[in-house]
Amino acid sequence: MIDIAKIIETNKDYVKHHNIVQSLLVATYGMEIEDVLIIGHENCGMIDFSATTFMESMKAKGISEDAIRMIEPGLIDWMDRFHISEDNVIYTVNFLRHHPLFPKGMGFYGGMMDPDTGEFRYLEI
């Protein structure tokens, strides 16, 4: 039975970024959660984004190349890593299961949701 749910929403179902991991660590040690469910969604609009297209759009809107270079490595890692939502969820669950700051035995699970129908599909990871 779930007593309390903490929801952290990210783009592209991707949790590697430090601020998301930090939020999960606060929930783990400060709120004593024991399980994390990563839910991706079908037909994700972010899947079609690429770092190159994104940076071109930034340049077209007047953002300097120096400013773009400050975020380019992280942007490429975030936007170009996966183009299938289910792969993002699998990667994230495995990343968290092997993260050295989470206690052994903590549950990390994954699933996919269809935003049009609300149907949820559990992933065996």
Foldseek 3Di string as FASTA:
>chain_A
DDPDDDDDDDALLAQPDPVSVVVVLCCCPVVVDQAAEREFEPPRPLLPDALVVVVVVVVVVPDDPVVCVVCSVVRRCPRVVHNGSVVNLVVRQVCVQPDPSHDHPRHYFYWYAYVVPRDIGTDDD
